[in-house]
PDB file of N, CA and C in Angstrom:
ATOM      1  N   MET A   1      76.206  13.923 -82.481  1.00  0.00           N
ATOM      2  CA  MET A   1      76.268  15.265 -82.326  1.00  0.00           C
ATOM      3  C   MET A   1      75.272  15.795 -81.401  1.00  0.00           C
ATOM      4  N   PRO A   2      75.814  16.828 -80.495  1.00  0.00           N
ATOM      5  CA  PRO A   2      74.917  17.483 -79.585  1.00  0.00           C
ATOM      6  C   PRO A   2      73.706  18.338 -80.131  1.00  0.00           C
ATOM      7  N   GLU A   3      72.807  18.259 -79.247  1.00  0.00           N
ATOM      8  CA  GLU A   3      71.540  18.948 -79.709  1.00  0.00           C
ATOM      9  C   GLU A   3      71.849  20.508 -79.532  1.00  0.00           C
ATOM     10  N   THR A   4      71.205  21.350 -80.455  1.00  0.00           N
ATOM     11  CA  THR A   4      71.438  22.720 -80.492  1.00  0.00           C
ATOM     12  C   THR A   4      70.345  23.332 -79.651  1.00  0.00           C
ATOM     13  N   LEU A   5      70.688  24.496 -79.196  1.00  0.00           N
ATOM     14  CA  LEU A   5      69.818  25.366 -78.287  1.00  0.00           C
ATOM     15  C   LEU A   5      68.326  25.411 -78.950  1.00  0.00           C
ATOM     16  N   ASP A   6      68.327  25.619 -80.203  1.00  0.00           N
ATOM     17  CA  ASP A   6      67.006  25.905 -80.868  1.00  0.00           C
ATOM     18  C   ASP A   6      66.080  24.479 -80.662  1.00  0.00           C
ATOM     19  N   SER A   7      66.876  23.291 -80.956  1.00  0.00           N
ATOM     20  CA  SER A   7      66.199  21.968 -80.836  1.00  0.00           C
ATOM     21  C   SER A   7      65.638  21.762 -79.473  1.00  0.00           C
ATOM     22  N   ILE A   8      66.452  22.101 -78.599  1.00  0.00           N
ATOM     23  CA  ILE A   8      66.025  21.885 -76.980  1.00  0.00           C
ATOM     24  C   ILE A   8      64.855  22.931 -76.607  1.00  0.00           C
ATOM     25  N   ALA A   9      65.070  24.275 -77.234  1.00  0.00           N
ATOM     26  CA  ALA A   9      63.818  25.158 -76.891  1.00  0.00           C
ATOM     27  C   ALA A   9      62.515  24.547 -77.632  1.00  0.00           C
ATOM     28  N   THR A  10      62.681  23.976 -78.702  1.00  0.00           N
ATOM     29  CA  THR A  10      61.463  23.497 -79.492  1.00  0.00           C
ATOM     30  C   THR A  10      60.837  22.354 -78.726  1.00  0.00           C
ATOM     31  N   LYS A  11      61.764  21.424 -78.063  1.00  0.00           N
ATOM     32  CA  LYS A  11      61.282  20.330 -77.389  1.00  0.00           C
ATOM     33  C   LYS A  11      60.751  20.820 -76.077  1.00  0.00           C
ATOM     34  N   ILE A  12      61.196  21.826 -75.669  1.00  0.00           N
ATOM     35  CA  ILE A  12      60.529  22.417 -74.352  1.00  0.00           C
ATOM     36  C   ILE A  12      59.300  22.970 -74.632  1.00  0.00           C
ATOM     37  N   ASP A  13      59.028  23.752 -75.649  1.00  0.00           N
ATOM     38  CA  ASP A  13      57.769  24.240 -75.957  1.00  0.00           C
ATOM     39  C   ASP A  13      56.764  23.196 -76.133  1.00  0.00           C
ATOM     40  N   SER A  14      57.160  22.190 -76.832  1.00  0.00           N
ATOM     41  CA  SER A  14      56.353  20.994 -77.095  1.00  0.00           C
ATOM     42  C   SER A  14      55.766  20.358 -75.735  1.00  0.00           C
ATOM     43  N   LEU A  15      56.673  20.108 -74.969  1.00  0.00           N
ATOM     44  CA  LEU A  15      56.226  19.467 -73.761  1.00  0.00           C
ATOM     45  C   LEU A  15      55.530  20.391 -72.883  1.00  0.00           C
ATOM     46  N   GLN A  16      55.675  21.796 -72.947  1.00  0.00           N
ATOM     47  CA  GLN A  16      54.796  22.728 -71.927  1.00  0.00           C
ATOM     48  C   GLN A  16      53.457  22.651 -72.801  1.00  0.00           C
ATOM     49  N   GLY A  17      53.337  22.721 -74.134  1.00  0.00           N
ATOM     50  CA  GLY A  17      52.241  22.595 -74.886  1.00  0.00           C
ATOM     51  C   GLY A  17      51.299  21.333 -74.393  1.00  0.00           C
ATOM     52  N   GLN A  18      52.029  20.286 -74.189  1.00  0.00           N
ATOM     53  CA  GLN A  18      51.457  19.008 -73.906  1.00  0.00           C
ATOM     54  C   GLN A  18      50.921  19.061 -72.415  1.00  0.00           C
ATOM     55  N   ALA A  19      51.681  19.588 -71.539  1.00  0.00           N
ATOM     56  CA  ALA A  19      51.324  19.752 -70.203  1.00  0.00           C
ATOM     57  C   ALA A  19      49.977  20.730 -70.019  1.00  0.00           C
ATOM     58  N   ARG A  20      50.082  21.700 -70.804  1.00  0.00           N
ATOM     59  CA  ARG A  20      49.048  22.717 -70.652  1.00  0.00           C
ATOM     60  C   ARG A  20      47.563  21.877 -71.205  1.00  0.00           C
ATOM     61  N   GLU A  21      47.827  21.247 -72.219  1.00  0.00           N
ATOM     62  CA  GLU A  21      46.590  20.379 -72.834  1.00  0.00           C
ATOM     63  C   GLU A  21      46.115  19.333 -71.649  1.00  0.00           C
ATOM     64  N   GLN A  22      46.964  18.696 -71.292  1.00  0.00           N
ATOM     65  CA  GLN A  22      46.544  17.726 -70.146  1.00  0.00           C
ATOM     66  C   GLN A  22      46.044  18.534 -68.989  1.00  0.00           C
ATOM     67  N   SER A  23      46.457  19.600 -68.479  1.00  0.00           N
ATOM     68  CA  SER A  23      46.016  20.319 -67.459  1.00  0.00           C
ATOM     69  C   SER A  23      44.462  20.739 -67.622  1.00  0.00           C
ATOM     70  N   LEU A  24      44.283  21.165 -68.796  1.00  0.00           N
ATOM     71  CA  LEU A  24      43.019  21.626 -69.250  1.00  0.00           C
ATOM     72  C   LEU A  24      41.777  20.598 -69.267  1.00  0.00           C
ATOM     73  N   GLN A  25      42.340  19.380 -69.748  1.00  0.00           N
ATOM     74  CA  GLN A  25      41.489  18.278 -69.767  1.00  0.00           C
ATOM     75  C   GLN A  25      41.137  17.969 -68.428  1.00  0.00           C
ATOM     76  N   LYS A  26      41.869  18.091 -67.183  1.00  0.00           N
ATOM     77  CA  LYS A  26      41.513  17.949 -65.874  1.00  0.00           C
ATOM     78  C   LYS A  26      40.828  19.043 -65.312  1.00  0.00           C
ATOM     79  N   ALA A  27      40.834  20.249 -65.857  1.00  0.00           N
ATOM     80  CA  ALA A  27      40.153  21.391 -65.277  1.00  0.00           C
ATOM     81  C   ALA A  27      38.831  21.201 -65.169  1.00  0.00           C
ATOM     82  N   VAL A  28      38.170  21.834 -64.178  1.00  0.00           N
ATOM     83  CA  VAL A  28      36.769  22.033 -63.981  1.00  0.00           C
ATOM     84  C   VAL A  28      36.345  23.211 -64.601  1.00  0.00           C
ATOM     85  N   VAL A  29      35.460  23.068 -65.646  1.00  0.00           N
ATOM     86  CA  VAL A  29      35.072  24.130 -66.598  1.00  0.00           C
ATOM     87  C   VAL A  29      33.527  24.700 -66.229  1.00  0.00           C
ATOM     88  N   ARG A  30      32.831  23.723 -65.531  1.00  0.00           N
ATOM     89  CA  ARG A  30      31.591  24.041 -65.289  1.00  0.00           C
ATOM     90  C   ARG A  30      31.017  23.745 -63.719  1.00  0.00           C
ATOM     91  N   LEU A  31      30.421  24.532 -63.109  1.00  0.00           N
ATOM     92  CA  LEU A  31      30.088  24.249 -61.785  1.00  0.00           C
ATOM     93  C   LEU A  31      28.633  24.457 -61.610  1.00  0.00           C
ATOM     94  N   HIS A  32      28.043  23.360 -60.663  1.00  0.00           N
ATOM     95  CA  HIS A  32      26.636  23.334 -60.629  1.00  0.00           C
ATOM     96  C   HIS A  32      26.225  23.181 -59.112  1.00  0.00           C
ATOM     97  N   ILE A  33      25.450  24.014 -58.513  1.00  0.00           N
ATOM     98  CA  ILE A  33      24.901  23.843 -57.190  1.00  0.00           C
ATOM     99  C   ILE A  33      23.825  23.149 -57.044  1.00  0.00           C
ATOM    100  N   MET A  34      23.792  22.214 -56.082  1.00  0.00           N
ATOM    101  CA  MET A  34      22.495  21.377 -56.016  1.00  0.00           C
ATOM    102  C   MET A  34      22.146  21.386 -54.595  1.00  0.00           C
ATOM    103  N   ASN A  35      20.836  21.050 -54.490  1.00  0.00           N
ATOM    104  CA  ASN A  35      20.182  20.989 -53.228  1.00  0.00           C
ATOM    105  C   ASN A  35      19.363  19.607 -53.162  1.00  0.00           C
ATOM    106  N   LEU A  36      19.491  18.784 -52.276  1.00  0.00           N
ATOM    107  CA  LEU A  36      18.724  17.635 -52.092  1.00  0.00           C
ATOM    108  C   LEU A  36      17.963  17.626 -50.929  1.00  0.00           C
ATOM    109  N   GLU A  37      16.636  17.718 -51.049  1.00  0.00           N
ATOM    110  CA  GLU A  37      15.757  17.747 -49.849  1.00  0.00           C
ATOM    111  C   GLU A  37      15.638  16.297 -49.256  1.00  0.00           C
ATOM    112  N   MET A  38      15.765  16.046 -47.931  1.00  0.00           N
ATOM    113  CA  MET A  38      15.436  14.862 -47.311  1.00  0.00           C
ATOM    114  C   MET A  38      14.424  14.965 -46.235  1.00  0.00           C
ATOM    115  N   PRO A  39      13.209  15.158 -46.631  1.00  0.00           N
ATOM    116  CA  PRO A  39      12.206  15.321 -45.572  1.00  0.00           C
ATOM    117  C   PRO A  39      11.993  14.207 -44.449  1.00  0.00           C
ATOM    118  N   SER A  40      12.411  13.055 -44.828  1.00  0.00           N
ATOM    119  CA  SER A  40      12.174  11.982 -43.650  1.00  0.00           C
ATOM    120  C   SER A  40      13.546  11.500 -43.216  1.00  0.00           C
ATOM    121  N   ALA A  41      13.531  11.092 -41.684  1.00  0.00           N
ATOM    122  CA  ALA A  41      14.747  10.683 -41.128  1.00  0.00           C
ATOM    123  C   ALA A  41      14.961   9.213 -41.572  1.00  0.00           C
ATOM    124  N   ASP A  42      16.005   8.753 -41.651  1.00  0.00           N
ATOM    125  CA  ASP A  42      16.549   7.376 -41.898  1.00  0.00           C
ATOM    126  C   ASP A  42      15.857   6.871 -43.156  1.00  0.00           C
ATOM    127  N   THR A  43      15.782   7.728 -44.208  1.00  0.00           N
ATOM    128  CA  THR A  43      15.178   7.375 -45.611  1.00  0.00           C
ATOM    129  C   THR A  43      16.256   7.747 -46.560  1.00  0.00           C
ATOM    130  N   GLU A  44      16.622   6.618 -47.575  1.00  0.00           N
ATOM    131  CA  GLU A  44      17.576   6.934 -48.648  1.00  0.00           C
ATOM    132  C   GLU A  44      17.145   7.769 -49.589  1.00  0.00           C
ATOM    133  N   TYR A  45      17.909   8.887 -49.997  1.00  0.00           N
ATOM    134  CA  TYR A  45      17.650   9.655 -51.088  1.00  0.00           C
ATOM    135  C   TYR A  45      18.881   9.724 -52.054  1.00  0.00           C
ATOM    136  N   GLU A  46      18.646   9.869 -53.289  1.00  0.00           N
ATOM    137  CA  GLU A  46      19.841   9.683 -54.116  1.00  0.00           C
ATOM    138  C   GLU A  46      19.869  10.861 -54.984  1.00  0.00           C
ATOM    139  N   TYR A  47      21.391  10.924 -55.366  1.00  0.00           N
ATOM    140  CA  TYR A  47      21.719  12.064 -56.377  1.00  0.00           C
ATOM    141  C   TYR A  47      22.505  11.513 -57.337  1.00  0.00           C
ATOM    142  N   ARG A  48      22.263  11.862 -58.554  1.00  0.00           N
ATOM    143  CA  ARG A  48      23.123  11.374 -59.819  1.00  0.00           C
ATOM    144  C   ARG A  48      24.328  12.285 -60.157  1.00  0.00           C
ATOM    145  N   LEU A  49      25.335  11.722 -60.069  1.00  0.00           N
ATOM    146  CA  LEU A  49      26.785  12.487 -60.497  1.00  0.00           C
ATOM    147  C   LEU A  49      26.797  12.098 -62.065  1.00  0.00           C
ATOM    148  N   PRO A  50      26.848  13.161 -62.646  1.00  0.00           N
ATOM    149  CA  PRO A  50      26.887  13.130 -64.254  1.00  0.00           C
ATOM    150  C   PRO A  50      28.184  12.680 -64.616  1.00  0.00           C
ATOM    151  N   PRO A  51      28.141  11.909 -65.910  1.00  0.00           N
ATOM    152  CA  PRO A  51      29.205  11.648 -66.337  1.00  0.00           C
ATOM    153  C   PRO A  51      30.320  12.752 -66.753  1.00  0.00           C
ATOM    154  N   GLY A  52      31.567  12.749 -66.659  1.00  0.00           N
ATOM    155  CA  GLY A  52      32.374  13.985 -66.624  1.00  0.00           C
ATOM    156  C   GLY A  52      32.612  14.500 -65.517  1.00  0.00           C
ATOM    157  N   CYS A  53      31.992  14.322 -64.196  1.00  0.00           N
ATOM    158  CA  CYS A  53      32.137  14.907 -63.061  1.00  0.00           C
ATOM    159  C   CYS A  53      33.678  14.780 -62.643  1.00  0.00           C
ATOM    160  N   LYS A  54      34.040  15.840 -62.330  1.00  0.00           N
ATOM    161  CA  LYS A  54      35.650  16.010 -61.830  1.00  0.00           C
ATOM    162  C   LYS A  54      35.861  16.186 -60.453  1.00  0.00           C
ATOM    163  N   MET A  55      34.765  16.743 -59.835  1.00  0.00           N
ATOM    164  CA  MET A  55      34.672  16.944 -58.413  1.00  0.00           C
ATOM    165  C   MET A  55      33.312  17.192 -57.746  1.00  0.00           C
ATOM    166  N   PHE A  56      33.276  16.925 -56.501  1.00  0.00           N
ATOM    167  CA  PHE A  56      32.054  17.429 -55.652  1.00  0.00           C
ATOM    168  C   PHE A  56      32.449  17.635 -54.236  1.00  0.00           C
ATOM    169  N   ILE A  57      31.480  18.496 -53.703  1.00  0.00           N
ATOM    170  CA  ILE A  57      31.441  18.743 -52.244  1.00  0.00           C
ATOM    171  C   ILE A  57      29.975  18.608 -51.854  1.00  0.00           C
ATOM    172  N   PHE A  58      29.773  17.928 -50.728  1.00  0.00           N
ATOM    173  CA  PHE A  58      28.432  17.703 -50.050  1.00  0.00           C
ATOM    174  C   PHE A  58      28.578  18.151 -48.624  1.00  0.00           C
ATOM    175  N   HIS A  59      27.562  18.749 -48.077  1.00  0.00           N
ATOM    176  CA  HIS A  59      27.368  19.054 -46.720  1.00  0.00           C
ATOM    177  C   HIS A  59      26.000  19.178 -46.424  1.00  0.00           C
ATOM    178  N   CYS A  60      25.550  19.058 -45.084  1.00  0.00           N
ATOM    179  CA  CYS A  60      24.174  19.394 -44.710  1.00  0.00           C
ATOM    180  C   CYS A  60      24.069  20.749 -44.377  1.00  0.00           C
ATOM    181  N   ARG A  61      22.897  21.340 -44.913  1.00  0.00           N
ATOM    182  CA  ARG A  61      22.738  22.878 -44.767  1.00  0.00           C
ATOM    183  C   ARG A  61      22.912  23.355 -43.258  1.00  0.00           C
ATOM    184  N   ASP A  62      22.244  22.715 -42.440  1.00  0.00           N
ATOM    185  CA  ASP A  62      22.429  23.082 -40.873  1.00  0.00           C
ATOM    186  C   ASP A  62      23.514  22.444 -40.149  1.00  0.00           C
ATOM    187  N   ALA A  63      24.427  21.736 -40.718  1.00  0.00           N
ATOM    188  CA  ALA A  63      25.696  21.339 -40.160  1.00  0.00           C
ATOM    189  C   ALA A  63      25.335  19.840 -39.303  1.00  0.00           C
ATOM    190  N   THR A  64      24.077  19.276 -39.707  1.00  0.00           N
ATOM    191  CA  THR A  64      23.869  17.906 -39.162  1.00  0.00           C
ATOM    192  C   THR A  64      24.676  16.856 -39.810  1.00  0.00           C
ATOM    193  N   ALA A  65      24.899  15.898 -39.001  1.00  0.00           N
ATOM    194  CA  ALA A  65      25.883  14.584 -39.565  1.00  0.00           C
ATOM    195  C   ALA A  65      24.734  13.934 -40.578  1.00  0.00           C
ATOM    196  N   LEU A  66      25.478  13.352 -41.663  1.00  0.00           N
ATOM    197  CA  LEU A  66      24.734  12.509 -42.779  1.00  0.00           C
ATOM    198  C   LEU A  66      25.417  11.309 -42.902  1.00  0.00           C
ATOM    199  N   ARG A  67      24.854  10.389 -43.647  1.00  0.00           N
ATOM    200  CA  ARG A  67      25.420   8.935 -44.161  1.00  0.00           C
ATOM    201  C   ARG A  67      25.378   9.183 -45.738  1.00  0.00           C
ATOM    202  N   ALA A  68      26.739   8.599 -46.305  1.00  0.00           N
ATOM    203  CA  ALA A  68      26.509   8.618 -47.761  1.00  0.00           C
ATOM    204  C   ALA A  68      27.128   7.367 -48.277  1.00  0.00           C
ATOM    205  N   SER A  69      26.915   6.856 -49.368  1.00  0.00           N
ATOM    206  CA  SER A  69      27.378   5.723 -49.922  1.00  0.00           C
ATOM    207  C   SER A  69      27.230   5.649 -51.532  1.00  0.00           C
ATOM    208  N   PHE A  70      27.944   4.970 -52.120  1.00  0.00           N
ATOM    209  CA  PHE A  70      27.832   4.692 -53.617  1.00  0.00           C
ATOM    210  C   PHE A  70      27.014   3.418 -53.688  1.00  0.00           C
ATOM    211  N   SER A  71      26.541   2.778 -52.756  1.00  0.00           N
ATOM    212  CA  SER A  71      25.770   1.540 -52.984  1.00  0.00           C
ATOM    213  C   SER A  71      24.223   1.809 -52.390  1.00  0.00           C
ATOM    214  N   ARG A  72      23.303   1.365 -53.134  1.00  0.00           N
ATOM    215  CA  ARG A  72      22.036   1.509 -52.685  1.00  0.00           C
ATOM    216  C   ARG A  72      21.710   0.647 -51.592  1.00  0.00           C
ATOM    217  N   GLY A  73      20.882   1.058 -50.554  1.00  0.00           N
ATOM    218  CA  GLY A  73      20.301   0.223 -49.453  1.00  0.00           C
ATOM    219  C   GLY A  73      21.515   0.291 -48.230  1.00  0.00           C
ATOM    220  N   LYS A  74      22.358   1.107 -48.239  1.00  0.00           N
ATOM    221  CA  LYS A  74      23.331   1.053 -47.198  1.00  0.00           C
ATOM    222  C   LYS A  74      23.165   2.308 -46.183  1.00  0.00           C
ATOM    223  N   VAL A  75      22.390   3.198 -46.362  1.00  0.00           N
ATOM    224  CA  VAL A  75      22.369   4.566 -45.720  1.00  0.00           C
ATOM    225  C   VAL A  75      21.191   4.694 -44.797  1.00  0.00           C
ATOM    226  N   ALA A  76      20.083   4.028 -44.966  1.00  0.00           N
ATOM    227  CA  ALA A  76      18.723   4.352 -44.576  1.00  0.00           C
ATOM    228  C   ALA A  76      18.797   4.186 -43.062  1.00  0.00           C
ATOM    229  N   SER A  77      19.550   3.289 -42.379  1.00  0.00           N
ATOM    230  CA  SER A  77      19.479   3.313 -40.881  1.00  0.00           C
ATOM    231  C   SER A  77      20.955   3.140 -40.458  1.00  0.00           C
ATOM    232  N   SER A  78      21.414   3.622 -39.389  1.00  0.00           N
ATOM    233  CA  SER A  78      22.717   3.373 -39.049  1.00  0.00           C
ATOM    234  C   SER A  78      22.811   1.860 -38.578  1.00  0.00           C
ATOM    235  N   VAL A  79      24.033   1.413 -39.039  1.00  0.00           N
ATOM    236  CA  VAL A  79      24.165  -0.030 -38.571  1.00  0.00           C
ATOM    237  C   VAL A  79      25.590  -0.008 -38.051  1.00  0.00           C
ATOM    238  N   THR A  80      25.942  -1.017 -37.136  1.00  0.00           N
ATOM    239  CA  THR A  80      27.215  -1.268 -36.604  1.00  0.00           C
ATOM    240  C   THR A  80      27.814  -2.298 -37.462  1.00  0.00           C
ATOM    241  N   GLY A  81      29.216  -2.329 -37.110  1.00  0.00           N
ATOM    242  CA  GLY A  81      29.988  -3.432 -38.160  1.00  0.00           C
ATOM    243  C   GLY A  81      30.387  -2.801 -39.392  1.00  0.00           C
ATOM    244  N   ASP A  82      30.102  -3.420 -40.521  1.00  0.00           N
ATOM    245  CA  ASP A  82      30.586  -3.094 -41.858  1.00  0.00           C
ATOM    246  C   ASP A  82      29.366  -2.381 -42.488  1.00  0.00           C
ATOM    247  N   PRO A  83      29.135  -1.151 -42.116  1.00  0.00           N
ATOM    248  CA  PRO A  83      27.956  -0.567 -42.792  1.00  0.00           C
ATOM    249  C   PRO A  83      27.900  -0.346 -44.138  1.00  0.00           C
ATOM    250  N   GLY A  84      29.058  -0.175 -44.951  1.00  0.00           N
ATOM    251  CA  GLY A  84      28.946   0.321 -46.179  1.00  0.00           C
ATOM    252  C   GLY A  84      28.711   1.748 -46.531  1.00  0.00           C
ATOM    253  N   TYR A  85      28.724   2.585 -45.512  1.00  0.00           N
ATOM    254  CA  TYR A  85      28.485   3.864 -45.812  1.00  0.00           C
ATOM    255  C   TYR A  85      29.594   4.845 -45.155  1.00  0.00           C
ATOM    256  N   LEU A  86      29.617   6.146 -45.436  1.00  0.00           N
ATOM    257  CA  LEU A  86      30.473   6.995 -44.921  1.00  0.00           C
ATOM    258  C   LEU A  86      29.908   7.929 -44.160  1.00  0.00           C
ATOM    259  N   THR A  87      30.304   8.286 -42.778  1.00  0.00           N
ATOM    260  CA  THR A  87      29.481   9.259 -42.086  1.00  0.00           C
ATOM    261  C   THR A  87      30.300  10.557 -42.461  1.00  0.00           C
ATOM    262  N   ILE A  88      29.471  11.534 -42.804  1.00  0.00           N
ATOM    263  CA  ILE A  88      29.826  12.791 -42.926  1.00  0.00           C
ATOM    264  C   ILE A  88      29.498  13.582 -41.614  1.00  0.00           C
ATOM    265  N   LYS A  89      30.597  13.877 -40.825  1.00  0.00           N
ATOM    266  CA  LYS A  89      30.279  14.223 -39.321  1.00  0.00           C
ATOM    267  C   LYS A  89      29.578  15.783 -39.261  1.00  0.00           C
ATOM    268  N   ALA A  90      28.918  16.062 -38.309  1.00  0.00           N
ATOM    269  CA  ALA A  90      28.416  17.392 -38.201  1.00  0.00           C
ATOM    270  C   ALA A  90      29.454  18.425 -38.447  1.00  0.00           C
ATOM    271  N   ASN A  91      29.201  19.513 -39.070  1.00  0.00           N
ATOM    272  CA  ASN A  91      29.836  20.826 -39.259  1.00  0.00           C
ATOM    273  C   ASN A  91      31.057  20.374 -40.162  1.00  0.00           C
ATOM    274  N   SER A  92      30.820  19.385 -41.035  1.00  0.00           N
ATOM    275  CA  SER A  92      31.985  18.936 -41.950  1.00  0.00           C
ATOM    276  C   SER A  92      31.368  18.917 -43.385  1.00  0.00           C
ATOM    277  N   ALA A  93      32.239  18.661 -44.299  1.00  0.00           N
ATOM    278  CA  ALA A  93      31.883  18.375 -45.585  1.00  0.00           C
ATOM    279  C   ALA A  93      32.612  17.173 -46.297  1.00  0.00           C
ATOM    280  N   TRP A  94      32.106  16.536 -47.445  1.00  0.00           N
ATOM    281  CA  TRP A  94      32.566  15.472 -47.975  1.00  0.00           C
ATOM    282  C   TRP A  94      33.016  16.148 -49.251  1.00  0.00           C
ATOM    283  N   ALA A  95      34.219  15.961 -49.683  1.00  0.00           N
ATOM    284  CA  ALA A  95      34.807  16.643 -50.919  1.00  0.00           C
ATOM    285  C   ALA A  95      35.750  15.701 -51.629  1.00  0.00           C
ATOM    286  N   MET A  96      35.586  15.590 -52.788  1.00  0.00           N
ATOM    287  CA  MET A  96      36.586  14.755 -53.732  1.00  0.00           C
ATOM    288  C   MET A  96      36.769  15.420 -54.882  1.00  0.00           C
ATOM    289  N   ASP A  97      38.040  15.433 -55.494  1.00  0.00           N
ATOM    290  CA  ASP A  97      38.434  16.010 -56.602  1.00  0.00           C
ATOM    291  C   ASP A  97      39.301  15.141 -57.382  1.00  0.00           C
ATOM    292  N   ASN A  98      39.661  15.607 -58.649  1.00  0.00           N
ATOM    293  CA  ASN A  98      40.688  14.642 -59.435  1.00  0.00           C
ATOM    294  C   ASN A  98      39.915  13.500 -59.917  1.00  0.00           C
ATOM    295  N   LEU A  99      38.630  13.650 -60.086  1.00  0.00           N
ATOM    296  CA  LEU A  99      37.843  12.339 -60.418  1.00  0.00           C
ATOM    297  C   LEU A  99      37.731  12.575 -61.911  1.00  0.00           C
ATOM    298  N   ASN A 100      37.348  11.308 -62.339  1.00  0.00           N
ATOM    299  CA  ASN A 100      37.099  11.172 -63.837  1.00  0.00           C
ATOM    300  C   ASN A 100      35.918   9.946 -63.912  1.00  0.00           C
ATOM    301  N   ILE A 101      34.761  10.704 -63.467  1.00  0.00           N
ATOM    302  CA  ILE A 101      33.697   9.646 -63.630  1.00  0.00           C
ATOM    303  C   ILE A 101      33.143   9.572 -65.100  1.00  0.00           C
ATOM    304  N   LEU A 102      33.237   8.312 -65.566  1.00  0.00           N
ATOM    305  CA  LEU A 102      32.923   8.096 -67.069  1.00  0.00           C
ATOM    306  C   LEU A 102      31.386   7.711 -67.219  1.00  0.00           C
ATOM    307  N   GLU A 103      30.956   7.194 -66.257  1.00  0.00           N
ATOM    308  CA  GLU A 103      29.191   6.922 -66.640  1.00  0.00           C
ATOM    309  C   GLU A 103      28.467   7.354 -65.321  1.00  0.00           C
ATOM    310  N   GLU A 104      27.221   7.352 -65.459  1.00  0.00           N
ATOM    311  CA  GLU A 104      26.272   7.968 -64.599  1.00  0.00           C
ATOM    312  C   GLU A 104      26.649   7.196 -63.097  1.00  0.00           C
ATOM    313  N   THR A 105      26.716   7.850 -62.137  1.00  0.00           N
ATOM    314  CA  THR A 105      26.856   7.359 -60.834  1.00  0.00           C
ATOM    315  C   THR A 105      26.076   7.845 -59.708  1.00  0.00           C
ATOM    316  N   PHE A 106      25.508   7.003 -58.970  1.00  0.00           N
ATOM    317  CA  PHE A 106      24.616   7.623 -57.862  1.00  0.00           C
ATOM    318  C   PHE A 106      25.202   7.684 -56.525  1.00  0.00           C
ATOM    319  N   VAL A 107      24.986   8.680 -55.872  1.00  0.00           N
ATOM    320  CA  VAL A 107      25.288   8.732 -54.347  1.00  0.00           C
ATOM    321  C   VAL A 107      24.039   8.737 -53.557  1.00  0.00           C
ATOM    322  N   TYR A 108      23.947   7.983 -52.541  1.00  0.00           N
ATOM    323  CA  TYR A 108      22.918   7.922 -51.742  1.00  0.00           C
ATOM    324  C   TYR A 108      23.100   8.490 -50.395  1.00  0.00           C
ATOM    325  N   PHE A 109      22.241   9.207 -49.899  1.00  0.00           N
ATOM    326  CA  PHE A 109      22.348  10.000 -48.723  1.00  0.00           C
ATOM    327  C   PHE A 109      21.117   9.537 -47.656  1.00  0.00           C
ATOM    328  N   ALA A 110      21.461   9.724 -46.353  1.00  0.00           N
ATOM    329  CA  ALA A 110      20.407   9.606 -45.306  1.00  0.00           C
ATOM    330  C   ALA A 110      20.911  10.535 -44.145  1.00  0.00           C
ATOM    331  N   CYS A 111      20.018  10.794 -43.283  1.00  0.00           N
ATOM    332  CA  CYS A 111      20.224  11.364 -42.133  1.00  0.00           C
ATOM    333  C   CYS A 111      19.329  10.865 -40.964  1.00  0.00           C
ATOM    334  N   GLY A 112      19.746  10.908 -39.834  1.00  0.00           N
ATOM    335  CA  GLY A 112      18.995  10.456 -38.501  1.00  0.00           C
ATOM    336  C   GLY A 112      17.934  11.456 -38.251  1.00  0.00           C
ATOM    337  N   THR A 113      17.887  12.588 -38.805  1.00  0.00           N
ATOM    338  CA  THR A 113      16.873  13.655 -38.377  1.00  0.00           C
ATOM    339  C   THR A 113      16.094  14.129 -39.669  1.00  0.00           C
ATOM    340  N   ALA A 114      14.863  14.353 -39.610  1.00  0.00           N
ATOM    341  CA  ALA A 114      14.195  14.700 -40.761  1.00  0.00           C
ATOM    342  C   ALA A 114      14.178  16.270 -40.952  1.00  0.00           C
ATOM    343  N   ALA A 115      13.700  16.453 -42.255  1.00  0.00           N
ATOM    344  CA  ALA A 115      13.717  17.793 -42.780  1.00  0.00           C
ATOM    345  C   ALA A 115      15.120  18.365 -42.834  1.00  0.00           C
ATOM    346  N   LYS A 116      15.958  17.800 -43.576  1.00  0.00           N
ATOM    347  CA  LYS A 116      17.271  18.142 -43.749  1.00  0.00           C
ATOM    348  C   LYS A 116      17.538  18.449 -45.206  1.00  0.00           C
ATOM    349  N   VAL A 117      18.554  19.343 -45.547  1.00  0.00           N
ATOM    350  CA  VAL A 117      18.767  19.630 -46.985  1.00  0.00           C
ATOM    351  C   VAL A 117      20.305  19.355 -47.253  1.00  0.00           C
ATOM    352  N   ILE A 118      20.712  18.637 -48.192  1.00  0.00           N
ATOM    353  CA  ILE A 118      22.195  18.489 -48.551  1.00  0.00           C
ATOM    354  C   ILE A 118      22.400  19.587 -49.571  1.00  0.00           C
ATOM    355  N   GLU A 119      23.375  20.312 -49.355  1.00  0.00           N
ATOM    356  CA  GLU A 119      23.788  21.156 -50.569  1.00  0.00           C
ATOM    357  C   GLU A 119      25.247  20.690 -51.021  1.00  0.00           C
ATOM    358  N   GLY A 120      25.394  20.932 -52.337  1.00  0.00           N
ATOM    359  CA  GLY A 120      26.509  20.489 -52.934  1.00  0.00           C
ATOM    360  C   GLY A 120      26.976  21.257 -54.151  1.00  0.00           C
ATOM    361  N   VAL A 121      28.208  21.166 -54.369  1.00  0.00           N
ATOM    362  CA  VAL A 121      28.753  21.692 -55.620  1.00  0.00           C
ATOM    363  C   VAL A 121      29.425  20.724 -56.555  1.00  0.00           C
ATOM    364  N   ILE A 122      28.948  20.623 -57.663  1.00  0.00           N
ATOM    365  CA  ILE A 122      29.494  19.485 -58.626  1.00  0.00           C
ATOM    366  C   ILE A 122      30.232  20.257 -59.665  1.00  0.00           C
ATOM    367  N   GLY A 123      31.318  19.617 -60.001  1.00  0.00           N
ATOM    368  CA  GLY A 123      32.356  20.283 -61.146  1.00  0.00           C
ATOM    369  C   GLY A 123      32.378  19.412 -62.282  1.00  0.00           C
ATOM    370  N   ARG A 124      32.332  19.869 -63.394  1.00  0.00           N
ATOM    371  CA  ARG A 124      32.482  19.060 -64.623  1.00  0.00           C
ATOM    372  C   ARG A 124      33.477  19.721 -65.490  1.00  0.00           C
TER     373      ARG A 124
END
């Protein structure tokens, strides 16, 4: 027997509700602005991404290039070959979204110039 319009409408309402709930689970509900001071050149500094982090954006306040990694001991000096870090080029930012960080995670930063500040936005 074919479905009635009422049963189809009920299924559509249910699917829309499920999609709305899934979208809210992924939505960023709290933003946090952070600053990480890096007083010394080629020295590793860490920032803790909290569990539940869904997005982040990092850049250097004065548009200087920086190095970033999820592994300790990779960013303190520039290395050729397989350095294990990401270069955030001058005048740019590192942004990631649609994350689902379940446990405490650290990001390590360094810069070839002293007295720099990393600015960031963290979304949970």
